[in-house]
Amino acid sequence: MYLVGAPYRFIRGPFIVEGLVLGGLGASVAVLLLWVGYRAAFAWWTPTLSALGALEALRFLPASMAVVVVLGGAIVGSACGFAVSRRTT
């Protein structure tokens, strides 16, 4: 694309957007699997934890922290897409 006159932003843009999307989706899947694991562990350990009186101590990530994890994954993905697109042959 560079040989036909495309500026660098048109060449690098798709790599950065792909990294952003894949990083965000990967982090979203990770948070979802973490929630599924939390629910399974909570269901498994509820009788024991209620007998110990520590049932309220077991909580999942707050929504704000889950959003931070997903945004962090998107940022890392876009940074990696930028780093890959910077390499020239």
Protein backbone atom coordinates (compact mmCIF):
# COMPACT_ATOMS: atom_id res chain seq x y z
CA MET A 1 0.00 0.00 0.00
CA TYR A 2 2.92 2.29 0.69
CA LEU A 3 4.18 1.81 -2.86
CA VAL A 4 0.95 3.17 -4.33
CA GLY A 5 1.00 6.25 -2.11
CA ALA A 6 -1.02 5.29 0.97
CA PRO A 7 -0.03 7.22 4.10
CA TYR A 8 1.22 5.33 7.12
CA ARG A 9 -2.03 5.77 9.05
CA PHE A 10 -3.92 3.83 6.36
CA ILE A 11 -1.33 1.08 6.51
CA ARG A 12 -1.07 0.88 10.31
CA GLY A 13 -4.71 1.64 11.13
CA PRO A 14 -6.14 -1.84 10.47
CA PHE A 15 -3.46 -3.47 12.63
CA ILE A 16 -4.18 -1.13 15.53
CA VAL A 17 -7.96 -1.56 15.26
CA GLU A 18 -7.61 -5.33 15.02
CA GLY A 19 -5.43 -5.35 18.14
CA LEU A 20 -7.97 -3.15 19.93
CA VAL A 21 -10.88 -5.43 19.04
CA LEU A 22 -9.07 -8.70 19.74
CA GLY A 23 -7.63 -7.41 23.02
CA GLY A 24 -11.04 -6.22 24.17
CA LEU A 25 -12.74 -9.45 23.15
CA GLY A 26 -10.04 -11.55 24.78
CA ALA A 27 -10.33 -9.62 28.03
CA SER A 28 -14.13 -9.88 27.88
CA VAL A 29 -13.95 -13.65 27.46
CA ALA A 30 -11.48 -13.83 30.35
CA VAL A 31 -13.81 -11.86 32.65
CA LEU A 32 -16.76 -14.00 31.56
CA LEU A 33 -14.88 -17.25 32.27
CA LEU A 34 -13.73 -15.84 35.59
CA TRP A 35 -17.37 -15.08 36.47
CA VAL A 36 -18.44 -18.61 35.48
CA GLY A 37 -15.68 -20.04 37.66
CA TYR A 38 -16.71 -17.76 40.51
CA ARG A 39 -20.35 -18.88 40.27
CA ALA A 40 -19.30 -22.55 40.20
CA ALA A 41 -17.00 -22.12 43.21
CA PHE A 42 -19.66 -20.13 45.04
CA ALA A 43 -22.26 -22.85 44.45
CA TRP A 44 -19.79 -25.53 45.52
CA TRP A 45 -18.59 -23.79 48.69
CA THR A 46 -21.83 -22.12 49.85
CA PRO A 47 -22.66 -24.70 52.55
CA THR A 48 -19.14 -24.59 53.98
CA LEU A 49 -18.89 -20.80 53.86
CA SER A 50 -22.30 -20.30 55.44
CA ALA A 51 -21.35 -22.66 58.25
CA LEU A 52 -18.19 -20.62 58.85
CA GLY A 53 -20.07 -17.34 58.66
CA ALA A 54 -17.86 -16.08 55.82
CA LEU A 55 -20.41 -16.17 53.01
CA GLU A 56 -20.47 -12.40 52.53
CA ALA A 57 -16.67 -12.25 52.25
CA LEU A 58 -16.67 -14.02 48.87
CA ARG A 59 -17.52 -11.51 46.13
CA PHE A 60 -16.83 -11.18 42.43
CA LEU A 61 -14.98 -8.26 40.87
CA PRO A 62 -16.82 -4.96 41.04
CA ALA A 63 -18.22 -3.79 37.70
CA SER A 64 -15.76 -0.92 37.55
CA MET A 65 -12.82 -3.31 37.92
CA ALA A 66 -14.20 -5.59 35.19
CA VAL A 67 -14.46 -2.57 32.87
CA VAL A 68 -10.88 -1.62 33.71
CA VAL A 69 -9.71 -5.15 32.86
CA VAL A 70 -11.52 -5.08 29.49
CA LEU A 71 -10.23 -1.60 28.64
CA GLY A 72 -6.74 -2.64 29.69
CA GLY A 73 -6.91 -5.61 27.35
CA ALA A 74 -8.05 -3.36 24.51
CA ILE A 75 -5.24 -0.89 25.18
CA VAL A 76 -2.60 -3.60 25.33
CA GLY A 77 -3.98 -5.12 22.13
CA SER A 78 -3.88 -1.82 20.27
CA ALA A 79 -0.36 -1.12 21.54
CA CYS A 80 0.74 -4.51 20.26
CA GLY A 81 -0.93 -3.83 16.90
CA PHE A 82 0.94 -0.54 16.73
CA ALA A 83 4.23 -2.22 17.64
CA VAL A 84 3.74 -4.87 14.96
CA SER A 85 2.89 -2.30 12.31
CA ARG A 86 6.02 -0.27 13.13
CA ARG A 87 8.31 -3.07 12.01
CA THR A 88 9.55 -2.57 8.48
CA THR A 89 11.26 -5.14 6.32
